[in-house]
Amino acid sequence: MTKADIVEDIAQRTGLTKKEVSETVDLFLSQISDLLVEGKHLEIRGFGTFKVKERKERMARNPRTGDAVPVPSRRVPIFKVSKMLKDKVALS
């Protein structure tokens, strides 16, 4: 399923235009992105939590040469699924 499919489905269910739904979905996704860039987290009860995790600097190996390569620290977005959603998916 794509974002366009989601927009179309919501538009059919609500009676809103695809343009209105598309703008709303885009704003929602933009808000999540902005919060993550700021280092904040977003919890949607019954669905999950979007967070930013700090990965430490580490040493890795180049698989071709075997040389040690430094990997710098970085921030990565993560999504943790809620227990309610896990259970719902498991029962389907």
Foldseek 3Di string as FASTA:
>chain_A
DDPLVVLVVVCVVPVNDSVVSSVVVVVVVVVCVVCAVVQHKDADPLFWIKGKDKAQWDWDADVVPRDIDIDHIDIDIDIDGDPNVVVVVVVD
